[in-house]
Amino acid sequence: MTLGWLALARGTIDRMAERRRDEDWVAAAWAGSRVLVVDEQGRVPVRLTDRPELVFTPSRRAPKGQRILLGVDEDKIAYFAVRAPIPDDLHDAEPAGLRRIGALLDDLHSTLLTQAVAMAAWHGAHGFCPRCGGATKAIAAGHVRVCLHDGTEQYPRLDPAVIMLVADTEDRVLLARGTTWPERRQSVLAGFIEPGESIEQAVVREVKEEVGLAVHDVQYCGSQPWPLPQSLMLGFTCRAEAGQRLITDQTELVEARWYTRDELKAAALNGDVLLPGRVSIARQLIEYWYGADLPGGWGL
């Protein structure tokens, strides 16, 4: 089973990986490119119409900052990101983040935004070598950082995490509220994969740790980048035998409870439960189990 639509796993663009170290090609691509400015908060300029769209800057007017080659579209137009303050002179544009607009953009703009935010965050956090502490500089069109002291190359960091919808043998779904979340906000369970662990083992371990349930029938559903700042979410469903006692990990969760389809729809309609926004894979897992769209949610 695969999820039919994931907000941040859409669109295709040729990332031109084979050209990143060709400095002449990169310089020529930059000269005619469209540039997406990403600020330190991960915001980009957006035109908020009925169909929101990213606002690009011609390379000749782009602000100074770290340049990152995003790729080339089917019309051979090159796109770059620049990590810098958003210019004030972009007509009809305002800063917006991925949570707000990621699910609303078209396929091309969604994939450009997701990559740009992820890469800008990586550059912002990796100015120094993790081996010797020396300063690093960007090479390969912004996709590698090299240590100026020992010459080692550092590549963009990615943290794989599992996110799983738990259903029981009475066909109920489990939702939980994190300790830092406001009242009524609920979602499925998730956690990072540990060293020496398979993704299926991580699903079983995380469910046991967070709510005390033994699960089986672990099924992969799809994946989605989550560059807030550097995760890759691997989506699963799994099954728990009904009647097991819920034991919530109070360091991570305030509460967890089971819902039938009718209970979940009613709770979402009257606002007793605020589901994840449509930008997240969590929302897609819940609606896949439910079998249709559900009302409401936090974020977009």
C-alpha atoms as a PDB file:
ATOM      1  CA  MET A   1       0.000   0.000   0.000  1.00  0.00           C
ATOM      2  CA  THR A   2       1.248   3.491  -0.822  1.00  0.00           C
ATOM      3  CA  LEU A   3      -0.283   6.809   0.087  1.00  0.00           C
ATOM      4  CA  GLY A   4      -1.704   8.593  -2.925  1.00  0.00           C
ATOM      5  CA  TRP A   5      -0.619  12.175  -2.146  1.00  0.00           C
ATOM      6  CA  LEU A   6       2.088  13.616   0.070  1.00  0.00           C
ATOM      7  CA  ALA A   7       2.445  17.382   0.284  1.00  0.00           C
ATOM      8  CA  LEU A   8       6.248  17.502   0.414  1.00  0.00           C
ATOM      9  CA  ALA A   9       7.023  14.513  -1.821  1.00  0.00           C
ATOM     10  CA  ARG A  10       5.632  15.861  -5.066  1.00  0.00           C
ATOM     11  CA  GLY A  11       7.047  17.173  -8.276  1.00  0.00           C
ATOM     12  CA  THR A  12      10.092  16.363 -10.284  1.00  0.00           C
ATOM     13  CA  ILE A  13      13.130  18.457 -11.037  1.00  0.00           C
ATOM     14  CA  ASP A  14      16.484  17.395 -12.440  1.00  0.00           C
ATOM     15  CA  ARG A  15      18.842  18.134  -9.566  1.00  0.00           C
ATOM     16  CA  MET A  16      21.831  18.052 -11.932  1.00  0.00           C
ATOM     17  CA  ALA A  17      24.006  16.175  -9.443  1.00  0.00           C
ATOM     18  CA  GLU A  18      26.504  15.336 -12.168  1.00  0.00           C
ATOM     19  CA  ARG A  19      27.136  19.050 -12.834  1.00  0.00           C
ATOM     20  CA  ARG A  20      27.536  20.350  -9.287  1.00  0.00           C
ATOM     21  CA  ARG A  21      31.357  20.309  -9.379  1.00  0.00           C
ATOM     22  CA  ASP A  22      31.523  21.789 -12.876  1.00  0.00           C
ATOM     23  CA  GLU A  23      32.148  25.395 -11.893  1.00  0.00           C
ATOM     24  CA  ASP A  24      31.819  26.761 -15.435  1.00  0.00           C
ATOM     25  CA  TRP A  25      28.441  25.082 -15.910  1.00  0.00           C
ATOM     26  CA  VAL A  26      27.218  26.255 -12.489  1.00  0.00           C
ATOM     27  CA  ALA A  27      28.271  29.848 -13.244  1.00  0.00           C
ATOM     28  CA  ALA A  28      26.433  29.782 -16.575  1.00  0.00           C
ATOM     29  CA  ALA A  29      23.347  28.270 -14.948  1.00  0.00           C
ATOM     30  CA  TRP A  30      23.386  30.948 -12.240  1.00  0.00           C
ATOM     31  CA  ALA A  31      23.502  33.755 -14.793  1.00  0.00           C
ATOM     32  CA  GLY A  32      20.061  32.886 -16.165  1.00  0.00           C
ATOM     33  CA  SER A  33      18.479  31.355 -13.094  1.00  0.00           C
ATOM     34  CA  ARG A  34      15.495  32.011 -10.875  1.00  0.00           C
ATOM     35  CA  VAL A  35      16.548  32.457  -7.247  1.00  0.00           C
ATOM     36  CA  LEU A  36      14.511  31.597  -4.161  1.00  0.00           C
ATOM     37  CA  VAL A  37      15.641  33.516  -1.083  1.00  0.00           C
ATOM     38  CA  VAL A  38      15.405  31.589   2.210  1.00  0.00           C
ATOM     39  CA  ASP A  39      15.865  33.460   5.468  1.00  0.00           C
ATOM     40  CA  GLU A  40      17.252  32.138   8.766  1.00  0.00           C
ATOM     41  CA  GLN A  41      13.755  31.137   9.895  1.00  0.00           C
ATOM     42  CA  GLY A  42      13.190  28.996   6.815  1.00  0.00           C
ATOM     43  CA  ARG A  43      10.754  31.459   5.269  1.00  0.00           C
ATOM     44  CA  VAL A  44      10.582  32.327   1.585  1.00  0.00           C
ATOM     45  CA  PRO A  45       8.779  35.091  -0.374  1.00  0.00           C
ATOM     46  CA  VAL A  46       5.315  33.971  -1.444  1.00  0.00           C
ATOM     47  CA  ARG A  47       2.463  35.531  -3.382  1.00  0.00           C
ATOM     48  CA  LEU A  48      -0.627  34.505  -1.385  1.00  0.00           C
ATOM     49  CA  THR A  49      -3.379  34.270  -3.974  1.00  0.00           C
ATOM     50  CA  ASP A  50      -6.043  31.611  -4.381  1.00  0.00           C
ATOM     51  CA  ARG A  51      -3.177  29.448  -5.620  1.00  0.00           C
ATOM     52  CA  PRO A  52      -0.094  30.533  -3.635  1.00  0.00           C
ATOM     53  CA  GLU A  53       3.174  30.642  -5.550  1.00  0.00           C
ATOM     54  CA  LEU A  54       6.818  31.232  -4.750  1.00  0.00           C
ATOM     55  CA  VAL A  55       8.320  34.570  -5.761  1.00  0.00           C
ATOM     56  CA  PHE A  56      11.736  34.268  -7.393  1.00  0.00           C
ATOM     57  CA  THR A  57      14.429  36.876  -7.859  1.00  0.00           C
ATOM     58  CA  PRO A  58      16.540  37.159 -11.044  1.00  0.00           C
ATOM     59  CA  SER A  59      20.108  36.122 -10.270  1.00  0.00           C
ATOM     60  CA  ARG A  60      21.428  39.589 -11.165  1.00  0.00           C
ATOM     61  CA  ARG A  61      19.348  41.053  -8.317  1.00  0.00           C
ATOM     62  CA  ALA A  62      19.764  38.247  -5.803  1.00  0.00           C
ATOM     63  CA  PRO A  63      21.139  39.174  -2.373  1.00  0.00           C
ATOM     64  CA  LYS A  64      24.528  37.967  -1.241  1.00  0.00           C
ATOM     65  CA  GLY A  65      24.453  34.677   0.624  1.00  0.00           C
ATOM     66  CA  GLN A  66      25.113  30.982   0.309  1.00  0.00           C
ATOM     67  CA  ARG A  67      24.071  29.786  -3.155  1.00  0.00           C
ATOM     68  CA  ILE A  68      22.544  26.336  -3.565  1.00  0.00           C
ATOM     69  CA  LEU A  69      21.725  24.746  -6.919  1.00  0.00           C
ATOM     70  CA  LEU A  70      18.222  23.264  -6.707  1.00  0.00           C
ATOM     71  CA  GLY A  71      17.997  21.926 -10.251  1.00  0.00           C
ATOM     72  CA  VAL A  72      16.674  22.459 -13.751  1.00  0.00           C
ATOM     73  CA  ASP A  73      13.027  22.134 -14.800  1.00  0.00           C
ATOM     74  CA  GLU A  74      11.634  20.598 -17.983  1.00  0.00           C
ATOM     75  CA  ASP A  75      12.001  23.955 -19.756  1.00  0.00           C
ATOM     76  CA  LYS A  76      15.737  23.983 -18.910  1.00  0.00           C
ATOM     77  CA  ILE A  77      15.305  26.852 -16.433  1.00  0.00           C
ATOM     78  CA  ALA A  78      17.785  26.641 -13.558  1.00  0.00           C
ATOM     79  CA  TYR A  79      16.737  27.315  -9.958  1.00  0.00           C
ATOM     80  CA  PHE A  80      18.971  28.286  -7.061  1.00  0.00           C
ATOM     81  CA  ALA A  81      18.335  29.067  -3.409  1.00  0.00           C
ATOM     82  CA  VAL A  82      20.198  31.778  -1.531  1.00  0.00           C
ATOM     83  CA  ARG A  83      20.317  31.846   2.243  1.00  0.00           C
ATOM     84  CA  ALA A  84      19.841  35.538   3.059  1.00  0.00           C
ATOM     85  CA  PRO A  85      17.319  38.041   4.420  1.00  0.00           C
ATOM     86  CA  ILE A  86      14.277  38.334   2.171  1.00  0.00           C
ATOM     87  CA  PRO A  87      14.450  41.537   0.080  1.00  0.00           C
ATOM     88  CA  ASP A  88      11.903  44.239   0.827  1.00  0.00           C
ATOM     89  CA  ASP A  89      11.260  45.138  -2.811  1.00  0.00           C
ATOM     90  CA  LEU A  90       9.511  41.960  -4.006  1.00  0.00           C
ATOM     91  CA  HIS A  91       6.116  43.029  -5.335  1.00  0.00           C
ATOM     92  CA  ASP A  92       3.047  41.493  -3.660  1.00  0.00           C
ATOM     93  CA  ALA A  93       5.190  39.015  -1.705  1.00  0.00           C
ATOM     94  CA  GLU A  94       5.323  38.196   1.958  1.00  0.00           C
ATOM     95  CA  PRO A  95       7.434  35.754   3.976  1.00  0.00           C
ATOM     96  CA  ALA A  96       5.874  32.362   4.632  1.00  0.00           C
ATOM     97  CA  GLY A  97       7.097  29.026   5.907  1.00  0.00           C
ATOM     98  CA  LEU A  98       6.733  25.459   4.768  1.00  0.00           C
ATOM     99  CA  ARG A  99       4.040  24.579   7.314  1.00  0.00           C
ATOM    100  CA  ARG A 100       1.845  27.380   6.023  1.00  0.00           C
ATOM    101  CA  ILE A 101       2.133  26.874   2.266  1.00  0.00           C
ATOM    102  CA  GLY A 102       3.747  23.476   1.613  1.00  0.00           C
ATOM    103  CA  ALA A 103       0.425  21.768   0.915  1.00  0.00           C
ATOM    104  CA  LEU A 104      -0.912  24.632  -1.204  1.00  0.00           C
ATOM    105  CA  LEU A 105       1.840  25.019  -3.811  1.00  0.00           C
ATOM    106  CA  ASP A 106       1.920  23.267  -7.167  1.00  0.00           C
ATOM    107  CA  ASP A 107       4.200  20.266  -7.603  1.00  0.00           C
ATOM    108  CA  LEU A 108       7.239  22.153  -8.900  1.00  0.00           C
ATOM    109  CA  HIS A 109       7.128  24.901  -6.289  1.00  0.00           C
ATOM    110  CA  SER A 110       6.558  22.367  -3.510  1.00  0.00           C
ATOM    111  CA  THR A 111       9.673  20.377  -4.363  1.00  0.00           C
ATOM    112  CA  LEU A 112      11.763  23.538  -4.795  1.00  0.00           C
ATOM    113  CA  LEU A 113      10.647  24.904  -1.437  1.00  0.00           C
ATOM    114  CA  THR A 114      11.252  21.629   0.404  1.00  0.00           C
ATOM    115  CA  GLN A 115      14.777  21.259  -0.943  1.00  0.00           C
ATOM    116  CA  ALA A 116      15.643  24.923  -0.426  1.00  0.00           C
ATOM    117  CA  VAL A 117      14.521  24.974   3.218  1.00  0.00           C
ATOM    118  CA  ALA A 118      16.368  21.749   4.004  1.00  0.00           C
ATOM    119  CA  MET A 119      19.627  22.855   2.402  1.00  0.00           C
ATOM    120  CA  ALA A 120      19.535  26.339   3.891  1.00  0.00           C
ATOM    121  CA  ALA A 121      19.069  24.861   7.368  1.00  0.00           C
ATOM    122  CA  TRP A 122      22.000  22.511   6.842  1.00  0.00           C
ATOM    123  CA  HIS A 123      24.327  25.324   5.793  1.00  0.00           C
ATOM    124  CA  GLY A 124      23.242  27.404   8.759  1.00  0.00           C
ATOM    125  CA  ALA A 125      24.143  24.656  11.223  1.00  0.00           C
ATOM    126  CA  HIS A 126      27.344  23.259   9.694  1.00  0.00           C
ATOM    127  CA  GLY A 127      29.818  26.093   9.401  1.00  0.00           C
ATOM    128  CA  PHE A 128      32.421  24.068  11.300  1.00  0.00           C
ATOM    129  CA  CYS A 129      33.928  20.626  10.827  1.00  0.00           C
ATOM    130  CA  PRO A 130      32.539  17.957  13.211  1.00  0.00           C
ATOM    131  CA  ARG A 131      35.933  16.188  13.245  1.00  0.00           C
ATOM    132  CA  CYS A 132      38.386  18.975  14.030  1.00  0.00           C
ATOM    133  CA  GLY A 133      36.293  22.107  14.577  1.00  0.00           C
ATOM    134  CA  GLY A 134      37.830  23.947  11.641  1.00  0.00           C
ATOM    135  CA  ALA A 135      35.819  26.295   9.486  1.00  0.00           C
ATOM    136  CA  THR A 136      34.127  24.850   6.418  1.00  0.00           C
ATOM    137  CA  LYS A 137      33.193  26.318   3.059  1.00  0.00           C
ATOM    138  CA  ALA A 138      30.613  25.258   0.506  1.00  0.00           C
ATOM    139  CA  ILE A 139      31.569  23.552  -2.746  1.00  0.00           C
ATOM    140  CA  ALA A 140      29.708  21.510  -5.379  1.00  0.00           C
ATOM    141  CA  ALA A 141      27.084  24.208  -5.959  1.00  0.00           C
ATOM    142  CA  GLY A 142      26.207  24.233  -2.263  1.00  0.00           C
ATOM    143  CA  HIS A 143      25.768  20.467  -1.812  1.00  0.00           C
ATOM    144  CA  VAL A 144      29.050  19.757   0.011  1.00  0.00           C
ATOM    145  CA  ARG A 145      31.002  21.564   2.719  1.00  0.00           C
ATOM    146  CA  VAL A 146      34.747  21.015   2.912  1.00  0.00           C
ATOM    147  CA  CYS A 147      36.892  21.591   6.005  1.00  0.00           C
ATOM    148  CA  LEU A 148      39.538  24.254   5.395  1.00  0.00           C
ATOM    149  CA  HIS A 149      41.834  22.609   7.956  1.00  0.00           C
ATOM    150  CA  ASP A 150      41.825  18.867   7.205  1.00  0.00           C
ATOM    151  CA  GLY A 151      40.093  18.757   3.831  1.00  0.00           C
ATOM    152  CA  THR A 152      37.304  16.365   4.817  1.00  0.00           C
ATOM    153  CA  GLU A 153      34.001  16.737   3.026  1.00  0.00           C
ATOM    154  CA  GLN A 154      30.675  16.967   4.842  1.00  0.00           C
ATOM    155  CA  TYR A 155      27.364  16.144   3.204  1.00  0.00           C
ATOM    156  CA  PRO A 156      23.829  17.277   4.081  1.00  0.00           C
ATOM    157  CA  ARG A 157      22.583  15.553   7.202  1.00  0.00           C
ATOM    158  CA  LEU A 158      19.376  13.561   7.149  1.00  0.00           C
ATOM    159  CA  ASP A 159      17.643  12.058  10.199  1.00  0.00           C
ATOM    160  CA  PRO A 160      15.374   9.105   9.297  1.00  0.00           C
ATOM    161  CA  ALA A 161      12.277   8.761  11.459  1.00  0.00           C
ATOM    162  CA  VAL A 162       9.335   6.364  11.470  1.00  0.00           C
ATOM    163  CA  ILE A 163       5.787   7.634  11.763  1.00  0.00           C
ATOM    164  CA  MET A 164       3.099   5.012  12.248  1.00  0.00           C
ATOM    165  CA  LEU A 165      -0.629   4.713  12.438  1.00  0.00           C
ATOM    166  CA  VAL A 166      -1.580   2.082  15.019  1.00  0.00           C
ATOM    167  CA  ALA A 167      -4.944   0.357  14.517  1.00  0.00           C
ATOM    168  CA  ASP A 168      -6.233  -2.450  16.697  1.00  0.00           C
ATOM    169  CA  THR A 169      -8.084  -5.653  15.912  1.00  0.00           C
ATOM    170  CA  GLU A 170     -11.378  -3.893  16.690  1.00  0.00           C
ATOM    171  CA  ASP A 171     -10.544  -1.459  13.863  1.00  0.00           C
ATOM    172  CA  ARG A 172      -9.931   1.556  16.059  1.00  0.00           C
ATOM    173  CA  VAL A 173      -7.133   4.082  15.527  1.00  0.00           C
ATOM    174  CA  LEU A 174      -4.760   5.320  18.232  1.00  0.00           C
ATOM    175  CA  LEU A 175      -4.054   9.053  18.525  1.00  0.00           C
ATOM    176  CA  ALA A 176      -1.927  10.802  21.119  1.00  0.00           C
ATOM    177  CA  ARG A 177      -1.040  14.305  22.319  1.00  0.00           C
ATOM    178  CA  GLY A 178       2.581  15.352  22.846  1.00  0.00           C
ATOM    179  CA  THR A 179       3.675  17.037  26.050  1.00  0.00           C
ATOM    180  CA  THR A 180       4.433  20.336  24.288  1.00  0.00           C
ATOM    181  CA  TRP A 181       1.214  20.438  22.262  1.00  0.00           C
ATOM    182  CA  PRO A 182      -1.819  22.571  23.130  1.00  0.00           C
ATOM    183  CA  GLU A 183      -5.109  21.047  24.199  1.00  0.00           C
ATOM    184  CA  ARG A 184      -6.991  18.976  21.618  1.00  0.00           C
ATOM    185  CA  ARG A 185      -4.069  18.583  19.193  1.00  0.00           C
ATOM    186  CA  GLN A 186      -3.556  14.887  18.446  1.00  0.00           C
ATOM    187  CA  SER A 187      -1.646  12.802  15.944  1.00  0.00           C
ATOM    188  CA  VAL A 188      -0.128   9.390  15.275  1.00  0.00           C
ATOM    189  CA  LEU A 189       3.090   8.170  16.910  1.00  0.00           C
ATOM    190  CA  ALA A 190       6.589   8.843  15.569  1.00  0.00           C
ATOM    191  CA  GLY A 191      10.225   8.514  16.543  1.00  0.00           C
ATOM    192  CA  PHE A 192      13.781   8.441  15.225  1.00  0.00           C
ATOM    193  CA  ILE A 193      15.477   5.267  14.036  1.00  0.00           C
ATOM    194  CA  GLU A 194      18.376   4.201  16.256  1.00  0.00           C
ATOM    195  CA  PRO A 195      21.800   2.935  15.065  1.00  0.00           C
ATOM    196  CA  GLY A 196      21.820  -0.775  14.236  1.00  0.00           C
ATOM    197  CA  GLU A 197      18.040  -0.891  13.895  1.00  0.00           C
ATOM    198  CA  SER A 198      15.827  -1.642  10.907  1.00  0.00           C
ATOM    199  CA  ILE A 199      12.899   0.630  10.161  1.00  0.00           C
ATOM    200  CA  GLU A 200      10.438  -2.160  11.037  1.00  0.00           C
ATOM    201  CA  GLN A 201      12.181  -2.715  14.365  1.00  0.00           C
ATOM    202  CA  ALA A 202      11.982   1.022  15.034  1.00  0.00           C
ATOM    203  CA  VAL A 203       8.199   0.974  14.512  1.00  0.00           C
ATOM    204  CA  VAL A 204       7.739  -1.841  17.038  1.00  0.00           C
ATOM    205  CA  ARG A 205      10.128  -0.272  19.577  1.00  0.00           C
ATOM    206  CA  GLU A 206       8.684   3.238  19.393  1.00  0.00           C
ATOM    207  CA  VAL A 207       5.096   2.052  19.852  1.00  0.00           C
ATOM    208  CA  LYS A 208       6.143  -0.057  22.845  1.00  0.00           C
ATOM    209  CA  GLU A 209       8.114   2.821  24.382  1.00  0.00           C
ATOM    210  CA  GLU A 210       5.464   5.481  23.898  1.00  0.00           C
ATOM    211  CA  VAL A 211       2.218   3.653  24.675  1.00  0.00           C
ATOM    212  CA  GLY A 212       3.190   0.192  25.933  1.00  0.00           C
ATOM    213  CA  LEU A 213       1.610  -1.760  23.058  1.00  0.00           C
ATOM    214  CA  ALA A 214       2.969  -4.765  21.216  1.00  0.00           C
ATOM    215  CA  VAL A 215       2.289  -4.431  17.462  1.00  0.00           C
ATOM    216  CA  HIS A 216       2.645  -6.602  14.393  1.00  0.00           C
ATOM    217  CA  ASP A 217       1.796  -6.509  10.669  1.00  0.00           C
ATOM    218  CA  VAL A 218       4.068  -3.527  10.019  1.00  0.00           C
ATOM    219  CA  GLN A 219       3.336  -2.173   6.534  1.00  0.00           C
ATOM    220  CA  TYR A 220       5.261   0.553   4.689  1.00  0.00           C
ATOM    221  CA  CYS A 221       3.080   3.293   3.160  1.00  0.00           C
ATOM    222  CA  GLY A 222       5.369   5.999   1.792  1.00  0.00           C
ATOM    223  CA  SER A 223       7.918   8.637   2.728  1.00  0.00           C
ATOM    224  CA  GLN A 224       8.121  12.402   2.902  1.00  0.00           C
ATOM    225  CA  PRO A 225      10.951  14.825   3.611  1.00  0.00           C
ATOM    226  CA  TRP A 226      10.349  16.962   6.678  1.00  0.00           C
ATOM    227  CA  PRO A 227      13.025  19.664   6.634  1.00  0.00           C
ATOM    228  CA  LEU A 228      12.182  21.101  10.048  1.00  0.00           C
ATOM    229  CA  PRO A 229      15.082  20.925  10.133  1.00  0.00           C
ATOM    230  CA  GLN A 230      16.377  17.654   8.628  1.00  0.00           C
ATOM    231  CA  SER A 231      14.109  14.624   8.954  1.00  0.00           C
ATOM    232  CA  LEU A 232      12.891  12.028   6.467  1.00  0.00           C
ATOM    233  CA  MET A 233       9.557  10.606   7.603  1.00  0.00           C
ATOM    234  CA  LEU A 234       8.941   6.943   6.750  1.00  0.00           C
ATOM    235  CA  GLY A 235       5.236   6.173   7.042  1.00  0.00           C
ATOM    236  CA  PHE A 236       3.804   2.868   8.279  1.00  0.00           C
ATOM    237  CA  THR A 237       0.670   1.215   9.543  1.00  0.00           C
ATOM    238  CA  CYS A 238       0.769  -1.501  12.183  1.00  0.00           C
ATOM    239  CA  ARG A 239      -1.698  -3.615  14.145  1.00  0.00           C
ATOM    240  CA  ALA A 240      -2.220  -4.104  17.902  1.00  0.00           C
ATOM    241  CA  GLU A 241      -4.321  -6.782  19.557  1.00  0.00           C
ATOM    242  CA  ALA A 242      -7.347  -5.195  21.230  1.00  0.00           C
ATOM    243  CA  GLY A 243      -7.483  -5.257  25.025  1.00  0.00           C
ATOM    244  CA  GLN A 244      -3.883  -4.268  25.702  1.00  0.00           C
ATOM    245  CA  ARG A 245      -3.401  -1.644  28.374  1.00  0.00           C
ATOM    246  CA  LEU A 246      -2.219   1.773  27.226  1.00  0.00           C
ATOM    247  CA  ILE A 247       0.815   2.944  29.228  1.00  0.00           C
ATOM    248  CA  THR A 248       1.865   6.369  27.982  1.00  0.00           C
ATOM    249  CA  ASP A 249       5.417   7.626  28.291  1.00  0.00           C
ATOM    250  CA  GLN A 250       4.768  10.803  30.281  1.00  0.00           C
ATOM    251  CA  THR A 251       8.044  12.370  29.121  1.00  0.00           C
ATOM    252  CA  GLU A 252       6.710  12.448  25.542  1.00  0.00           C
ATOM    253  CA  LEU A 253       2.930  12.134  25.713  1.00  0.00           C
ATOM    254  CA  VAL A 254       0.176  13.670  27.796  1.00  0.00           C
ATOM    255  CA  GLU A 255      -2.481  11.204  26.695  1.00  0.00           C
ATOM    256  CA  ALA A 256      -3.384   8.562  24.141  1.00  0.00           C
ATOM    257  CA  ARG A 257      -6.734   7.034  23.267  1.00  0.00           C
ATOM    258  CA  TRP A 258      -8.552   4.872  20.734  1.00  0.00           C
ATOM    259  CA  TYR A 259     -11.161   6.157  18.245  1.00  0.00           C
ATOM    260  CA  THR A 260     -13.650   4.405  16.030  1.00  0.00           C
ATOM    261  CA  ARG A 261     -14.321   6.053  12.683  1.00  0.00           C
ATOM    262  CA  ASP A 262     -17.562   7.582  13.916  1.00  0.00           C
ATOM    263  CA  GLU A 263     -15.898   8.868  17.097  1.00  0.00           C
ATOM    264  CA  LEU A 264     -13.006  10.401  15.174  1.00  0.00           C
ATOM    265  CA  LYS A 265     -15.249  12.156  12.658  1.00  0.00           C
ATOM    266  CA  ALA A 266     -17.478  13.548  15.415  1.00  0.00           C
ATOM    267  CA  ALA A 267     -14.476  14.742  17.446  1.00  0.00           C
ATOM    268  CA  ALA A 268     -12.946  16.420  14.388  1.00  0.00           C
ATOM    269  CA  LEU A 269     -16.239  18.081  13.449  1.00  0.00           C
ATOM    270  CA  ASN A 270     -16.901  19.589  16.871  1.00  0.00           C
ATOM    271  CA  GLY A 271     -13.277  20.556  17.483  1.00  0.00           C
ATOM    272  CA  ASP A 272     -12.578  18.136  20.333  1.00  0.00           C
ATOM    273  CA  VAL A 273      -9.680  16.794  18.244  1.00  0.00           C
ATOM    274  CA  LEU A 274      -7.399  18.931  16.090  1.00  0.00           C
ATOM    275  CA  LEU A 275      -5.784  16.706  13.493  1.00  0.00           C
ATOM    276  CA  PRO A 276      -2.411  17.356  11.841  1.00  0.00           C
ATOM    277  CA  GLY A 277      -2.330  19.719   8.876  1.00  0.00           C
ATOM    278  CA  ARG A 278      -2.421  18.436   5.309  1.00  0.00           C
ATOM    279  CA  VAL A 279       1.256  19.254   4.842  1.00  0.00           C
ATOM    280  CA  SER A 280       2.160  16.288   7.066  1.00  0.00           C
ATOM    281  CA  ILE A 281       2.309  12.595   6.284  1.00  0.00           C
ATOM    282  CA  ALA A 282       0.507  12.037   9.608  1.00  0.00           C
ATOM    283  CA  ARG A 283      -2.683  13.505   8.148  1.00  0.00           C
ATOM    284  CA  GLN A 284      -2.445  11.248   5.102  1.00  0.00           C
ATOM    285  CA  LEU A 285      -2.013   8.141   7.276  1.00  0.00           C
ATOM    286  CA  ILE A 286      -5.073   9.049   9.353  1.00  0.00           C
ATOM    287  CA  GLU A 287      -7.250   9.738   6.339  1.00  0.00           C
ATOM    288  CA  TYR A 288      -6.063   6.569   4.625  1.00  0.00           C
ATOM    289  CA  TRP A 289      -7.273   4.565   7.630  1.00  0.00           C
ATOM    290  CA  TYR A 290     -10.504   6.554   7.832  1.00  0.00           C
ATOM    291  CA  GLY A 291     -11.177   6.120   4.126  1.00  0.00           C
ATOM    292  CA  ALA A 292     -12.002   9.743   3.270  1.00  0.00           C
ATOM    293  CA  ASP A 293     -11.087  13.365   4.021  1.00  0.00           C
ATOM    294  CA  LEU A 294     -11.643  14.563   7.562  1.00  0.00           C
ATOM    295  CA  PRO A 295     -12.550  18.086   8.692  1.00  0.00           C
ATOM    296  CA  GLY A 296     -10.428  20.557  10.576  1.00  0.00           C
ATOM    297  CA  GLY A 297      -6.831  20.426  11.715  1.00  0.00           C
ATOM    298  CA  TRP A 298      -3.954  22.553  12.952  1.00  0.00           C
ATOM    299  CA  GLY A 299      -1.880  24.219  10.281  1.00  0.00           C
ATOM    300  CA  LEU A 300      -2.441  23.562   6.585  1.00  0.00           C
END
